[in-house]
Amino acid sequence: MKRQVGYLVVVAPALAGALSVTSVAASHNQPSERATASEPRERSGVGVPASERVGGSGGAKPPGLTRREFIRGGVTAFTFSFAAPAFLSDLARAQGSSRRNLVVLYLSGGNDTLSMVIPYTDAQYYARRPVLGIPAANVLQIGTDRGGSALGLNPRLSGLKTIFDAGRLALVQRTGYENSSRSHFQGTDVWSTANTNNTQGPGWLGRYLDTIPSPVDPLIGWSTTRDVPHLLQANRVGVAAIPSVSGYAFSSPNSGAEAVFARQSATRIASHVPVDMPHLAFVNGTAQQAFATLDRVAQVGTYQPAVKYPNNGLGQALQAVAGAMVTGVGTRVFFVQTGGYDTHSGQNTNQANGAYAQLMGTLNDGLLAFYNDLTRQGLFGDTMILQFSEFGRRINENASAGTDHGAASVMFVMGGAVRGGIYGTAPNLRIAADNPTLENGGQDVHYETDFRAVYAKAIDSWLGGDSVQVLGGDFRAGAPNII
């Protein structure tokens, strides 16, 4: 039988960011070069239980290797295609726990937290939102904050209410920073780098990753998105971007025994790491790590969860995360994103099939399944979910029954070691010059807790890192006592 000769495609993680290189041995054709709230309102039973990178997206590269040098050198007669964000890492070594997991959940678009955590006794809430205001009778009451404001969750968050009642959900009100950006791009960069002045560098969790001693498992982190978010970019370490477990595989034009032979051949080729060709050594070393992760990721595809997850993007991403935890493939840090939160029009908070109600339903159902699954698997105590969005939204509803870009937001943290409760104080929605809880002429919510203080708590108390080093400043004094 004639063996087919062709390119071998490896879709796998690497320490290279998003890298796709095609060349032929002995060919030197050069493609174009584009290529302050520290304590919650306490609840009974709440406590603590037990520069230029190849690919341009923040992965590691050999010292001194530029994109141009990489392209000039050529590689061997096969193709590598990598989708690898540069983000997170080794919770496994974090202060005495070998099984801790961190899941970062990003609500993309700017979440309207006044429709998620509702100050249902504030008359100004209903005066300023005559259409979008959620009736007091419908909210899921969760108690009062330390300022005396009565609060309730969106009626679609019944699952999160159960987790809150169990003492494992912390709501941190009015998180943000001074002079908050209303731009999606700038706002996301600020939250991603934890730097309000210079957002050009690696992400804050990427910087944490860079502090992990070598060797770092190439599957220590897992992003469930296709592209690398800024938050995950590092200088030296990258993690795998695996939006689909089934699609994460070695691909060959051959089948059966020939496909096995093709993978073995590619693995042998990648095992050669020439010291005199750093660009090729980089690619081959990266490929070795990619091959090493394929079989482990395949195990996740066999996972049978203890509960049924929703058949949507968020639900399936969380099921993959749970599968990676339960099957023990070595991943300790995960990134999950769900979108649709840029609700300028037709927000329809009080309609069962309204846009925001559906967002809350998706969020609730996915997280509840994740919580129940990990609880039954005995892993929830080793897991933390940290949620953020790039900004909150304006207090007044607009003429299109939506809300425009605002400032401070609400972060929530969920996990088996989380001190659940309400942290910080709700804004007073009365427009007045002497109201410190509002800004922009009373149109937006002013921050009370610097978002970097929440990051600092996660770095120091969960990741076991040094938040001062990672964040480039000391935000510990304002950190809420969520762990």
Foldseek 3Di string as FASTA:
>chain_A
DDDDDAAWEAEFAFLAAFAKDADEPPDQDFDDPPQAWAEWPADPPFAFPDPATHNRAFGAAPPPDHNVLLRRVGEYHHIYGYHWHAFAFDLCPADPHNQFFEEEEEAEAAAAQCLFKPLQVFPLLCVQQVQQHDHPVQFAWDQATPVGGTIGGQNLQVLVVVQLVNQFKAKEFQAFDPPADLDSVLLQLCQLQVDNPDSPDAGLRQLVVVVDDDDTQQAQEEELDRHHRSSRHHHYGIHGYHVDLVPNAIDDPDDDPSSVVVVVVLLVSLVDQDPVRRSNNSVSVRVNSGVVLNVLSNQLVVDDFPDDFDPDSLQVQLSSVLSCSLSVSNYRYYYHYDYDNNWLAQQRSPDCPTSVVVVSNNVNRSVSSSVVRCVVSVRQQSYKYKYDYSAHWWSHRDPRRTTGGAHTHMIMMGGNRWRRHYTDHDANQDQDPPGPQADPSSGHGHGDAHPLLQVCCCVVVRSNHHSCSSSVHDRVNNRHNTD
